[in-house]
């Protein structure tokens, strides 16, 4: 079973995404805090990380940078899941090493398809 780590500071989003992915056969771990999420990534070694950009204590791009510079985590694909929809933000995330970019208003099918593609 593929393991997905979701890092998002919005409990509603976490619950919704986790429920949707688990219904499609993924094992999910969720973290509301980016620092805890990084610890979780190091412990769990997920197949994919879904990462919000607007987080407390550390930005999503900061978290992505930490993931990419850690040899134990660098190969884990990261998909950005954010409310920010502008193209410049998406390009910054992709330039920083994200493999995909989803808006939080995406359909459940888009979410599952993206996770299946990269997990």
PDB file of N, CA and C in Angstrom:
ATOM      1  N   UNK A   1       0.850  -1.194   0.000  1.00  0.00           N
ATOM      2  CA  UNK A   1       0.000   0.000   0.000  1.00  0.00           C
ATOM      3  C   UNK A   1       0.886   1.245   0.000  1.00  0.00           C
ATOM      4  N   UNK A   2       0.597   2.172  -0.896  1.00  0.00           N
ATOM      5  CA  UNK A   2       1.369   3.414  -1.007  1.00  0.00           C
ATOM      6  C   UNK A   2       1.031   4.333   0.164  1.00  0.00           C
ATOM      7  N   UNK A   3       2.063   4.954   0.736  1.00  0.00           N
ATOM      8  CA  UNK A   3       1.895   5.851   1.878  1.00  0.00           C
ATOM      9  C   UNK A   3       2.031   7.303   1.439  1.00  0.00           C
ATOM     10  N   UNK A   4       1.060   8.103   1.841  1.00  0.00           N
ATOM     11  CA  UNK A   4       1.020   9.524   1.478  1.00  0.00           C
ATOM     12  C   UNK A   4       1.092  10.358   2.756  1.00  0.00           C
ATOM     13  N   UNK A   5       1.969  11.353   2.772  1.00  0.00           N
ATOM     14  CA  UNK A   5       2.036  12.310   3.870  1.00  0.00           C
ATOM     15  C   UNK A   5       1.413  13.610   3.387  1.00  0.00           C
ATOM     16  N   UNK A   6       0.448  14.107   4.151  1.00  0.00           N
ATOM     17  CA  UNK A   6      -0.230  15.369   3.822  1.00  0.00           C
ATOM     18  C   UNK A   6       0.193  16.397   4.862  1.00  0.00           C
ATOM     19  N   UNK A   7       0.753  17.502   4.407  1.00  0.00           N
ATOM     20  CA  UNK A   7       1.146  18.589   5.319  1.00  0.00           C
ATOM     21  C   UNK A   7       0.318  19.811   4.953  1.00  0.00           C
ATOM     22  N   UNK A   8      -0.613  20.143   5.842  1.00  0.00           N
ATOM     23  CA  UNK A   8      -1.525  21.272   5.621  1.00  0.00           C
ATOM     24  C   UNK A   8      -1.995  21.767   6.976  1.00  0.00           C
ATOM     25  N   UNK A   9      -2.091  23.072   7.164  1.00  0.00           N
ATOM     26  CA  UNK A   9      -2.499  23.614   8.462  1.00  0.00           C
ATOM     27  C   UNK A   9      -4.010  23.769   8.608  1.00  0.00           C
ATOM     28  N   UNK A  10      -4.774  23.325   7.633  1.00  0.00           N
ATOM     29  CA  UNK A  10      -6.231  23.409   7.712  1.00  0.00           C
ATOM     30  C   UNK A  10      -6.818  22.028   8.000  1.00  0.00           C
ATOM     31  N   UNK A  11      -7.324  21.813   9.228  1.00  0.00           N
ATOM     32  CA  UNK A  11      -7.847  20.496   9.605  1.00  0.00           C
ATOM     33  C   UNK A  11      -8.922  19.961   8.655  1.00  0.00           C
ATOM     34  N   UNK A  12      -9.781  20.849   8.152  1.00  0.00           N
ATOM     35  CA  UNK A  12     -10.842  20.408   7.222  1.00  0.00           C
ATOM     36  C   UNK A  12     -10.252  19.835   5.939  1.00  0.00           C
ATOM     37  N   UNK A  13      -9.255  20.504   5.408  1.00  0.00           N
ATOM     38  CA  UNK A  13      -8.601  20.042   4.176  1.00  0.00           C
ATOM     39  C   UNK A  13      -7.921  18.700   4.448  1.00  0.00           C
ATOM     40  N   UNK A  14      -7.214  18.610   5.565  1.00  0.00           N
ATOM     41  CA  UNK A  14      -6.544  17.355   5.912  1.00  0.00           C
ATOM     42  C   UNK A  14      -7.530  16.195   5.961  1.00  0.00           C
ATOM     43  N   UNK A  15      -8.640  16.407   6.659  1.00  0.00           N
ATOM     44  CA  UNK A  15      -9.647  15.339   6.790  1.00  0.00           C
ATOM     45  C   UNK A  15     -10.207  14.938   5.435  1.00  0.00           C
ATOM     46  N   UNK A  16     -10.544  15.938   4.636  1.00  0.00           N
ATOM     47  CA  UNK A  16     -11.137  15.684   3.319  1.00  0.00           C
ATOM     48  C   UNK A  16     -10.173  14.916   2.410  1.00  0.00           C
ATOM     49  N   UNK A  17      -8.942  15.385   2.316  1.00  0.00           N
ATOM     50  CA  UNK A  17      -7.948  14.763   1.435  1.00  0.00           C
ATOM     51  C   UNK A  17      -7.620  13.350   1.929  1.00  0.00           C
ATOM     52  N   UNK A  18      -7.423  13.213   3.239  1.00  0.00           N
ATOM     53  CA  UNK A  18      -7.099  11.909   3.823  1.00  0.00           C
ATOM     54  C   UNK A  18      -8.217  10.905   3.542  1.00  0.00           C
ATOM     55  N   UNK A  19      -9.445  11.329   3.763  1.00  0.00           N
ATOM     56  CA  UNK A  19     -10.600  10.452   3.537  1.00  0.00           C
ATOM     57  C   UNK A  19     -10.682  10.015   2.065  1.00  0.00           C
ATOM     58  N   UNK A  20     -10.495  10.966   1.167  1.00  0.00           N
ATOM     59  CA  UNK A  20     -10.571  10.676  -0.269  1.00  0.00           C
ATOM     60  C   UNK A  20      -9.477   9.699  -0.689  1.00  0.00           C
ATOM     61  N   UNK A  21      -8.264   9.928  -0.217  1.00  0.00           N
ATOM     62  CA  UNK A  21      -7.154   9.058  -0.611  1.00  0.00           C
ATOM     63  C   UNK A  21      -7.264   7.666   0.012  1.00  0.00           C
ATOM     64  N   UNK A  22      -7.674   7.614   1.269  1.00  0.00           N
ATOM     65  CA  UNK A  22      -7.847   6.307   1.918  1.00  0.00           C
ATOM     66  C   UNK A  22      -8.945   5.495   1.236  1.00  0.00           C
ATOM     67  N   UNK A  23      -9.981   6.176   0.762  1.00  0.00           N
ATOM     68  CA  UNK A  23     -11.061   5.488   0.035  1.00  0.00           C
ATOM     69  C   UNK A  23     -10.559   4.911  -1.289  1.00  0.00           C
ATOM     70  N   UNK A  24      -9.419   5.418  -1.755  1.00  0.00           N
ATOM     71  CA  UNK A  24      -8.835   4.935  -3.006  1.00  0.00           C
ATOM     72  C   UNK A  24      -7.596   4.059  -2.772  1.00  0.00           C
ATOM     73  N   UNK A  25      -7.476   3.530  -1.557  1.00  0.00           N
ATOM     74  CA  UNK A  25      -6.451   2.534  -1.282  1.00  0.00           C
ATOM     75  C   UNK A  25      -5.097   3.030  -0.820  1.00  0.00           C
ATOM     76  N   UNK A  26      -4.988   4.304  -0.447  1.00  0.00           N
ATOM     77  CA  UNK A  26      -3.720   4.833   0.046  1.00  0.00           C
ATOM     78  C   UNK A  26      -3.726   4.869   1.572  1.00  0.00           C
ATOM     79  N   UNK A  27      -2.562   4.680   2.170  1.00  0.00           N
ATOM     80  CA  UNK A  27      -2.397   4.871   3.610  1.00  0.00           C
ATOM     81  C   UNK A  27      -1.921   6.306   3.801  1.00  0.00           C
ATOM     82  N   UNK A  28      -2.582   7.064   4.664  1.00  0.00           N
ATOM     83  CA  UNK A  28      -2.261   8.482   4.812  1.00  0.00           C
ATOM     84  C   UNK A  28      -1.841   8.837   6.229  1.00  0.00           C
ATOM     85  N   UNK A  29      -0.852   9.704   6.302  1.00  0.00           N
ATOM     86  CA  UNK A  29      -0.439  10.332   7.542  1.00  0.00           C
ATOM     87  C   UNK A  29      -0.619  11.818   7.314  1.00  0.00           C
ATOM     88  N   UNK A  30      -1.102  12.522   8.334  1.00  0.00           N
ATOM     89  CA  UNK A  30      -1.366  13.950   8.169  1.00  0.00           C
ATOM     90  C   UNK A  30      -0.657  14.746   9.253  1.00  0.00           C
ATOM     91  N   UNK A  31      -0.192  15.934   8.871  1.00  0.00           N
ATOM     92  CA  UNK A  31       0.445  16.826   9.827  1.00  0.00           C
ATOM     93  C   UNK A  31      -0.047  18.254   9.605  1.00  0.00           C
ATOM     94  N   UNK A  32      -0.424  18.906  10.692  1.00  0.00           N
ATOM     95  CA  UNK A  32      -0.877  20.298  10.633  1.00  0.00           C
ATOM     96  C   UNK A  32       0.296  21.279  10.683  1.00  0.00           C
ATOM     97  N   UNK A  33       1.464  20.796  11.078  1.00  0.00           N
ATOM     98  CA  UNK A  33       2.619  21.651  11.298  1.00  0.00           C
ATOM     99  C   UNK A  33       3.767  21.233  10.375  1.00  0.00           C
ATOM    100  N   UNK A  34       4.385  22.181   9.687  1.00  0.00           N
ATOM    101  CA  UNK A  34       5.443  21.824   8.738  1.00  0.00           C
ATOM    102  C   UNK A  34       6.668  21.182   9.383  1.00  0.00           C
ATOM    103  N   UNK A  35       7.038  21.641  10.571  1.00  0.00           N
ATOM    104  CA  UNK A  35       8.205  21.077  11.254  1.00  0.00           C
ATOM    105  C   UNK A  35       7.915  19.624  11.641  1.00  0.00           C
ATOM    106  N   UNK A  36       6.715  19.397  12.171  1.00  0.00           N
ATOM    107  CA  UNK A  36       6.305  18.022  12.504  1.00  0.00           C
ATOM    108  C   UNK A  36       6.186  17.181  11.240  1.00  0.00           C
ATOM    109  N   UNK A  37       5.717  17.797  10.173  1.00  0.00           N
ATOM    110  CA  UNK A  37       5.593  17.095   8.895  1.00  0.00           C
ATOM    111  C   UNK A  37       6.940  16.606   8.386  1.00  0.00           C
ATOM    112  N   UNK A  38       7.971  17.441   8.533  1.00  0.00           N
ATOM    113  CA  UNK A  38       9.321  17.025   8.130  1.00  0.00           C
ATOM    114  C   UNK A  38       9.803  15.846   8.972  1.00  0.00           C
ATOM    115  N   UNK A  39       9.541  15.903  10.284  1.00  0.00           N
ATOM    116  CA  UNK A  39       9.914  14.786  11.160  1.00  0.00           C
ATOM    117  C   UNK A  39       9.186  13.519  10.723  1.00  0.00           C
ATOM    118  N   UNK A  40       7.907  13.676  10.421  1.00  0.00           N
ATOM    119  CA  UNK A  40       7.082  12.556   9.969  1.00  0.00           C
ATOM    120  C   UNK A  40       7.639  11.965   8.664  1.00  0.00           C
ATOM    121  N   UNK A  41       8.051  12.835   7.759  1.00  0.00           N
ATOM    122  CA  UNK A  41       8.617  12.376   6.484  1.00  0.00           C
ATOM    123  C   UNK A  41       9.878  11.555   6.724  1.00  0.00           C
ATOM    124  N   UNK A  42      10.711  12.015   7.648  1.00  0.00           N
ATOM    125  CA  UNK A  42      11.955  11.287   7.939  1.00  0.00           C
ATOM    126  C   UNK A  42      11.670   9.934   8.581  1.00  0.00           C
ATOM    127  N   UNK A  43      10.634   9.859   9.396  1.00  0.00           N
ATOM    128  CA  UNK A  43      10.277   8.614  10.067  1.00  0.00           C
ATOM    129  C   UNK A  43       9.547   7.654   9.144  1.00  0.00           C
ATOM    130  N   UNK A  44       8.547   8.175   8.433  1.00  0.00           N
ATOM    131  CA  UNK A  44       7.646   7.338   7.629  1.00  0.00           C
ATOM    132  C   UNK A  44       8.167   7.002   6.238  1.00  0.00           C
ATOM    133  N   UNK A  45       9.019   7.848   5.679  1.00  0.00           N
ATOM    134  CA  UNK A  45       9.487   7.682   4.294  1.00  0.00           C
ATOM    135  C   UNK A  45       8.303   7.399   3.351  1.00  0.00           C
ATOM    136  N   UNK A  46       7.383   8.375   3.229  1.00  0.00           N
ATOM    137  CA  UNK A  46       6.197   8.155   2.390  1.00  0.00           C
ATOM    138  C   UNK A  46       6.557   8.033   0.906  1.00  0.00           C
ATOM    139  N   UNK A  47       5.620   7.500   0.136  1.00  0.00           N
ATOM    140  CA  UNK A  47       5.802   7.396  -1.312  1.00  0.00           C
ATOM    141  C   UNK A  47       5.568   8.732  -1.997  1.00  0.00           C
ATOM    142  N   UNK A  48       4.820   9.628  -1.324  1.00  0.00           N
ATOM    143  CA  UNK A  48       4.483  10.939  -1.885  1.00  0.00           C
ATOM    144  C   UNK A  48       4.154  11.880  -0.745  1.00  0.00           C
ATOM    145  N   UNK A  49       4.474  13.163  -0.929  1.00  0.00           N
ATOM    146  CA  UNK A  49       4.095  14.195   0.043  1.00  0.00           C
ATOM    147  C   UNK A  49       3.200  15.196  -0.662  1.00  0.00           C
ATOM    148  N   UNK A  50       2.025  15.448  -0.077  1.00  0.00           N
ATOM    149  CA  UNK A  50       1.131  16.527  -0.522  1.00  0.00           C
ATOM    150  C   UNK A  50       1.406  17.695   0.408  1.00  0.00           C
ATOM    151  N   UNK A  51       1.764  18.833  -0.140  1.00  0.00           N
ATOM    152  CA  UNK A  51       2.265  19.946   0.669  1.00  0.00           C
ATOM    153  C   UNK A  51       1.553  21.246   0.347  1.00  0.00           C
ATOM    154  N   UNK A  52       1.033  21.879   1.392  1.00  0.00           N
ATOM    155  CA  UNK A  52       0.445  23.213   1.263  1.00  0.00           C
ATOM    156  C   UNK A  52       1.592  24.231   1.206  1.00  0.00           C
ATOM    157  N   UNK A  53       1.342  25.392   0.624  1.00  0.00           N
ATOM    158  CA  UNK A  53       2.372  26.427   0.559  1.00  0.00           C
ATOM    159  C   UNK A  53       2.278  27.416   1.708  1.00  0.00           C
ATOM    160  N   UNK A  54       1.065  27.738   2.144  1.00  0.00           N
ATOM    161  CA  UNK A  54       0.893  28.720   3.207  1.00  0.00           C
ATOM    162  C   UNK A  54       0.750  27.990   4.536  1.00  0.00           C
ATOM    163  N   UNK A  55       1.865  27.932   5.275  1.00  0.00           N
ATOM    164  CA  UNK A  55       1.919  27.199   6.532  1.00  0.00           C
ATOM    165  C   UNK A  55       2.493  28.084   7.626  1.00  0.00           C
ATOM    166  N   UNK A  56       2.170  27.799   8.890  1.00  0.00           N
ATOM    167  CA  UNK A  56       2.765  28.555   9.987  1.00  0.00           C
ATOM    168  C   UNK A  56       4.198  28.079  10.240  1.00  0.00           C
ATOM    169  N   UNK A  57       5.040  28.927  10.746  1.00  0.00           N
ATOM    170  CA  UNK A  57       6.412  28.626  11.163  1.00  0.00           C
ATOM    171  C   UNK A  57       7.405  28.441  10.003  1.00  0.00           C
ATOM    172  N   UNK A  58       6.941  27.908   8.870  1.00  0.00           N
ATOM    173  CA  UNK A  58       7.812  27.660   7.727  1.00  0.00           C
ATOM    174  C   UNK A  58       6.925  27.570   6.489  1.00  0.00           C
ATOM    175  N   UNK A  59       7.320  28.231   5.426  1.00  0.00           N
ATOM    176  CA  UNK A  59       6.504  28.182   4.206  1.00  0.00           C
ATOM    177  C   UNK A  59       6.607  26.805   3.559  1.00  0.00           C
ATOM    178  N   UNK A  60       5.651  26.494   2.725  1.00  0.00           N
ATOM    179  CA  UNK A  60       5.691  25.245   1.980  1.00  0.00           C
ATOM    180  C   UNK A  60       6.937  25.152   1.110  1.00  0.00           C
ATOM    181  N   UNK A  61       7.343  26.274   0.518  1.00  0.00           N
ATOM    182  CA  UNK A  61       8.571  26.266  -0.287  1.00  0.00           C
ATOM    183  C   UNK A  61       9.791  26.000   0.592  1.00  0.00           C
ATOM    184  N   UNK A  62       9.759  26.494   1.832  1.00  0.00           N
ATOM    185  CA  UNK A  62      10.826  26.198   2.787  1.00  0.00           C
ATOM    186  C   UNK A  62      10.877  24.712   3.115  1.00  0.00           C
ATOM    187  N   UNK A  63       9.709  24.123   3.327  1.00  0.00           N
ATOM    188  CA  UNK A  63       9.618  22.685   3.599  1.00  0.00           C
ATOM    189  C   UNK A  63      10.140  21.901   2.391  1.00  0.00           C
ATOM    190  N   UNK A  64       9.716  22.313   1.209  1.00  0.00           N
ATOM    191  CA  UNK A  64      10.161  21.653  -0.019  1.00  0.00           C
ATOM    192  C   UNK A  64      11.690  21.722  -0.142  1.00  0.00           C
ATOM    193  N   UNK A  65      12.266  22.864   0.177  1.00  0.00           N
ATOM    194  CA  UNK A  65      13.715  23.015   0.150  1.00  0.00           C
ATOM    195  C   UNK A  65      14.412  22.066   1.118  1.00  0.00           C
ATOM    196  N   UNK A  66      13.843  21.935   2.324  1.00  0.00           N
ATOM    197  CA  UNK A  66      14.402  21.011   3.319  1.00  0.00           C
ATOM    198  C   UNK A  66      14.324  19.566   2.827  1.00  0.00           C
ATOM    199  N   UNK A  67      13.213  19.220   2.200  1.00  0.00           N
ATOM    200  CA  UNK A  67      13.035  17.865   1.663  1.00  0.00           C
ATOM    201  C   UNK A  67      14.078  17.597   0.584  1.00  0.00           C
ATOM    202  N   UNK A  68      14.252  18.532  -0.324  1.00  0.00           N
ATOM    203  CA  UNK A  68      15.143  18.325  -1.466  1.00  0.00           C
ATOM    204  C   UNK A  68      16.622  18.312  -1.083  1.00  0.00           C
ATOM    205  N   UNK A  69      16.987  18.972   0.029  1.00  0.00           N
ATOM    206  CA  UNK A  69      18.403  18.954   0.406  1.00  0.00           C
ATOM    207  C   UNK A  69      18.747  17.809   1.372  1.00  0.00           C
ATOM    208  N   UNK A  70      17.755  17.062   1.822  1.00  0.00           N
ATOM    209  CA  UNK A  70      17.982  15.912   2.696  1.00  0.00           C
ATOM    210  C   UNK A  70      18.092  14.651   1.833  1.00  0.00           C
ATOM    211  N   UNK A  71      19.262  14.017   1.772  1.00  0.00           N
ATOM    212  CA  UNK A  71      19.429  12.841   0.912  1.00  0.00           C
ATOM    213  C   UNK A  71      18.429  11.714   1.195  1.00  0.00           C
ATOM    214  N   UNK A  72      17.973  11.613   2.433  1.00  0.00           N
ATOM    215  CA  UNK A  72      17.010  10.562   2.784  1.00  0.00           C
ATOM    216  C   UNK A  72      15.611  10.858   2.247  1.00  0.00           C
ATOM    217  N   UNK A  73      15.337  12.112   1.920  1.00  0.00           N
ATOM    218  CA  UNK A  73      13.996  12.515   1.480  1.00  0.00           C
ATOM    219  C   UNK A  73      13.950  13.013   0.040  1.00  0.00           C
ATOM    220  N   UNK A  74      15.081  13.372  -0.508  1.00  0.00           N
ATOM    221  CA  UNK A  74      15.144  14.099  -1.781  1.00  0.00           C
ATOM    222  C   UNK A  74      14.424  13.407  -2.938  1.00  0.00           C
ATOM    223  N   UNK A  75      14.346  12.097  -2.918  1.00  0.00           N
ATOM    224  CA  UNK A  75      13.712  11.382  -4.035  1.00  0.00           C
ATOM    225  C   UNK A  75      12.205  11.202  -3.864  1.00  0.00           C
ATOM    226  N   UNK A  76      11.663  11.608  -2.710  1.00  0.00           N
ATOM    227  CA  UNK A  76      10.212  11.501  -2.495  1.00  0.00           C
ATOM    228  C   UNK A  76       9.525  12.584  -3.322  1.00  0.00           C
ATOM    229  N   UNK A  77       8.594  12.199  -4.207  1.00  0.00           N
ATOM    230  CA  UNK A  77       7.889  13.215  -4.987  1.00  0.00           C
ATOM    231  C   UNK A  77       7.000  14.089  -4.086  1.00  0.00           C
ATOM    232  N   UNK A  78       6.973  15.373  -4.409  1.00  0.00           N
ATOM    233  CA  UNK A  78       6.156  16.335  -3.661  1.00  0.00           C
ATOM    234  C   UNK A  78       5.178  16.987  -4.632  1.00  0.00           C
ATOM    235  N   UNK A  79       3.898  16.915  -4.277  1.00  0.00           N
ATOM    236  CA  UNK A  79       2.851  17.603  -5.033  1.00  0.00           C
ATOM    237  C   UNK A  79       2.342  18.735  -4.154  1.00  0.00           C
ATOM    238  N   UNK A  80       2.321  19.937  -4.706  1.00  0.00           N
ATOM    239  CA  UNK A  80       1.812  21.101  -3.984  1.00  0.00           C
ATOM    240  C   UNK A  80       0.294  21.107  -4.078  1.00  0.00           C
ATOM    241  N   UNK A  81      -0.349  21.273  -2.919  1.00  0.00           N
ATOM    242  CA  UNK A  81      -1.811  21.380  -2.832  1.00  0.00           C
ATOM    243  C   UNK A  81      -2.096  22.688  -2.107  1.00  0.00           C
ATOM    244  N   UNK A  82      -2.539  23.699  -2.848  1.00  0.00           N
ATOM    245  CA  UNK A  82      -2.640  25.039  -2.267  1.00  0.00           C
ATOM    246  C   UNK A  82      -3.871  25.793  -2.760  1.00  0.00           C
ATOM    247  N   UNK A  83      -4.235  26.807  -2.001  1.00  0.00           N
ATOM    248  CA  UNK A  83      -5.327  27.691  -2.417  1.00  0.00           C
ATOM    249  C   UNK A  83      -4.806  28.755  -3.389  1.00  0.00           C
ATOM    250  N   UNK A  84      -3.489  28.925  -3.414  1.00  0.00           N
ATOM    251  CA  UNK A  84      -2.895  29.892  -4.340  1.00  0.00           C
ATOM    252  C   UNK A  84      -2.939  29.303  -5.738  1.00  0.00           C
ATOM    253  N   UNK A  85      -3.504  30.014  -6.668  1.00  0.00           N
ATOM    254  CA  UNK A  85      -3.659  29.441  -7.992  1.00  0.00           C
ATOM    255  C   UNK A  85      -2.858  30.109  -9.081  1.00  0.00           C
ATOM    256  N   UNK A  86      -2.026  31.085  -8.722  1.00  0.00           N
ATOM    257  CA  UNK A  86      -1.395  31.807  -9.814  1.00  0.00           C
ATOM    258  C   UNK A  86      -0.208  31.047 -10.394  1.00  0.00           C
ATOM    259  N   UNK A  87      -0.001  31.264 -11.668  1.00  0.00           N
ATOM    260  CA  UNK A  87       0.988  30.517 -12.439  1.00  0.00           C
ATOM    261  C   UNK A  87       2.413  30.737 -11.927  1.00  0.00           C
ATOM    262  N   UNK A  88       2.683  31.939 -11.458  1.00  0.00           N
ATOM    263  CA  UNK A  88       4.018  32.251 -10.947  1.00  0.00           C
ATOM    264  C   UNK A  88       4.336  31.395  -9.716  1.00  0.00           C
ATOM    265  N   UNK A  89       3.349  31.224  -8.845  1.00  0.00           N
ATOM    266  CA  UNK A  89       3.521  30.393  -7.653  1.00  0.00           C
ATOM    267  C   UNK A  89       3.765  28.942  -8.067  1.00  0.00           C
ATOM    268  N   UNK A  90       3.004  28.465  -9.022  1.00  0.00           N
ATOM    269  CA  UNK A  90       3.169  27.093  -9.520  1.00  0.00           C
ATOM    270  C   UNK A  90       4.569  26.902 -10.091  1.00  0.00           C
ATOM    271  N   UNK A  91       5.031  27.853 -10.864  1.00  0.00           N
ATOM    272  CA  UNK A  91       6.360  27.746 -11.469  1.00  0.00           C
ATOM    273  C   UNK A  91       7.459  27.755 -10.396  1.00  0.00           C
ATOM    274  N   UNK A  92       7.295  28.591  -9.372  1.00  0.00           N
ATOM    275  CA  UNK A  92       8.267  28.623  -8.272  1.00  0.00           C
ATOM    276  C   UNK A  92       8.341  27.264  -7.582  1.00  0.00           C
ATOM    277  N   UNK A  93       7.183  26.665  -7.355  1.00  0.00           N
ATOM    278  CA  UNK A  93       7.128  25.352  -6.701  1.00  0.00           C
ATOM    279  C   UNK A  93       7.774  24.282  -7.577  1.00  0.00           C
ATOM    280  N   UNK A  94       7.501  24.313  -8.873  1.00  0.00           N
ATOM    281  CA  UNK A  94       8.077  23.327  -9.785  1.00  0.00           C
ATOM    282  C   UNK A  94       9.601  23.535  -9.888  1.00  0.00           C
ATOM    283  N   UNK A  95      10.031  24.790  -9.939  1.00  0.00           N
ATOM    284  CA  UNK A  95      11.469  25.091  -9.988  1.00  0.00           C
ATOM    285  C   UNK A  95      12.175  24.603  -8.720  1.00  0.00           C
ATOM    286  N   UNK A  96      11.453  24.619  -7.595  1.00  0.00           N
ATOM    287  CA  UNK A  96      12.029  24.181  -6.319  1.00  0.00           C
ATOM    288  C   UNK A  96      12.036  22.662  -6.172  1.00  0.00           C
ATOM    289  N   UNK A  97      11.410  21.964  -7.116  1.00  0.00           N
ATOM    290  CA  UNK A  97      11.481  20.507  -7.077  1.00  0.00           C
ATOM    291  C   UNK A  97      10.162  19.766  -6.959  1.00  0.00           C
ATOM    292  N   UNK A  98       9.038  20.478  -6.896  1.00  0.00           N
ATOM    293  CA  UNK A  98       7.742  19.790  -6.853  1.00  0.00           C
ATOM    294  C   UNK A  98       7.487  19.095  -8.193  1.00  0.00           C
ATOM    295  N   UNK A  99       6.797  17.963  -8.149  1.00  0.00           N
ATOM    296  CA  UNK A  99       6.485  17.240  -9.390  1.00  0.00           C
ATOM    297  C   UNK A  99       5.111  17.603  -9.932  1.00  0.00           C
ATOM    298  N   UNK A 100       4.273  18.198  -9.077  1.00  0.00           N
ATOM    299  CA  UNK A 100       2.928  18.550  -9.507  1.00  0.00           C
ATOM    300  C   UNK A 100       2.365  19.674  -8.665  1.00  0.00           C
ATOM    301  N   UNK A 101       1.267  20.249  -9.140  1.00  0.00           N
ATOM    302  CA  UNK A 101       0.656  21.407  -8.497  1.00  0.00           C
ATOM    303  C   UNK A 101      -0.854  21.273  -8.623  1.00  0.00           C
ATOM    304  N   UNK A 102      -1.556  21.256  -7.496  1.00  0.00           N
ATOM    305  CA  UNK A 102      -3.016  21.179  -7.501  1.00  0.00           C
ATOM    306  C   UNK A 102      -3.587  22.324  -6.687  1.00  0.00           C
ATOM    307  N   UNK A 103      -4.688  22.879  -7.176  1.00  0.00           N
ATOM    308  CA  UNK A 103      -5.419  23.866  -6.398  1.00  0.00           C
ATOM    309  C   UNK A 103      -6.330  23.120  -5.439  1.00  0.00           C
ATOM    310  N   UNK A 104      -6.523  23.655  -4.229  1.00  0.00           N
ATOM    311  CA  UNK A 104      -7.378  22.987  -3.238  1.00  0.00           C
ATOM    312  C   UNK A 104      -8.812  22.824  -3.726  1.00  0.00           C
ATOM    313  N   UNK A 105      -9.204  23.595  -4.725  1.00  0.00           N
ATOM    314  CA  UNK A 105     -10.563  23.461  -5.256  1.00  0.00           C
ATOM    315  C   UNK A 105     -10.640  22.391  -6.353  1.00  0.00           C
ATOM    316  N   UNK A 106      -9.561  21.616  -6.539  1.00  0.00           N
ATOM    317  CA  UNK A 106      -9.572  20.582  -7.579  1.00  0.00           C
ATOM    318  C   UNK A 106     -10.619  19.515  -7.259  1.00  0.00           C
ATOM    319  N   UNK A 107     -11.000  18.794  -8.281  1.00  0.00           N
ATOM    320  CA  UNK A 107     -11.990  17.727  -8.083  1.00  0.00           C
ATOM    321  C   UNK A 107     -11.327  16.542  -7.387  1.00  0.00           C
ATOM    322  N   UNK A 108     -12.124  15.705  -6.719  1.00  0.00           N
ATOM    323  CA  UNK A 108     -11.566  14.494  -6.111  1.00  0.00           C
ATOM    324  C   UNK A 108     -10.838  13.622  -7.140  1.00  0.00           C
ATOM    325  N   UNK A 109     -11.358  13.567  -8.357  1.00  0.00           N
ATOM    326  CA  UNK A 109     -10.722  12.779  -9.409  1.00  0.00           C
ATOM    327  C   UNK A 109      -9.332  13.322  -9.752  1.00  0.00           C
ATOM    328  N   UNK A 110      -9.211  14.659  -9.844  1.00  0.00           N
ATOM    329  CA  UNK A 110      -7.908  15.266 -10.128  1.00  0.00           C
ATOM    330  C   UNK A 110      -6.904  14.936  -9.017  1.00  0.00           C
ATOM    331  N   UNK A 111      -7.361  15.018  -7.778  1.00  0.00           N
ATOM    332  CA  UNK A 111      -6.504  14.718  -6.632  1.00  0.00           C
ATOM    333  C   UNK A 111      -6.006  13.274  -6.702  1.00  0.00           C
ATOM    334  N   UNK A 112      -6.924  12.345  -6.832  1.00  0.00           N
ATOM    335  CA  UNK A 112      -6.562  10.921  -6.861  1.00  0.00           C
ATOM    336  C   UNK A 112      -5.674  10.608  -8.054  1.00  0.00           C
ATOM    337  N   UNK A 113      -5.996  11.171  -9.197  1.00  0.00           N
ATOM    338  CA  UNK A 113      -5.191  10.928 -10.409  1.00  0.00           C
ATOM    339  C   UNK A 113      -3.763  11.409 -10.222  1.00  0.00           C
ATOM    340  N   UNK A 114      -3.595  12.611  -9.666  1.00  0.00           N
ATOM    341  CA  UNK A 114      -2.253  13.151  -9.448  1.00  0.00           C
ATOM    342  C   UNK A 114      -1.472  12.265  -8.463  1.00  0.00           C
ATOM    343  N   UNK A 115      -2.115  11.846  -7.401  1.00  0.00           N
ATOM    344  CA  UNK A 115      -1.444  11.000  -6.409  1.00  0.00           C
ATOM    345  C   UNK A 115      -1.081   9.651  -7.036  1.00  0.00           C
ATOM    346  N   UNK A 116      -1.982   9.078  -7.795  1.00  0.00           N
ATOM    347  CA  UNK A 116      -1.687   7.801  -8.449  1.00  0.00           C
ATOM    348  C   UNK A 116      -0.523   7.929  -9.436  1.00  0.00           C
ATOM    349  N   UNK A 117      -0.426   9.057 -10.077  1.00  0.00           N
ATOM    350  CA  UNK A 117       0.626   9.285 -11.067  1.00  0.00           C
ATOM    351  C   UNK A 117       2.021   9.278 -10.446  1.00  0.00           C
ATOM    352  N   UNK A 118       2.140   9.862  -9.240  1.00  0.00           N
ATOM    353  CA  UNK A 118       3.462  10.072  -8.661  1.00  0.00           C
ATOM    354  C   UNK A 118       3.799   9.197  -7.452  1.00  0.00           C
ATOM    355  N   UNK A 119       2.810   8.576  -6.824  1.00  0.00           N
ATOM    356  CA  UNK A 119       3.084   7.785  -5.611  1.00  0.00           C
ATOM    357  C   UNK A 119       3.711   6.444  -5.956  1.00  0.00           C
TER     358      UNK A 119
END
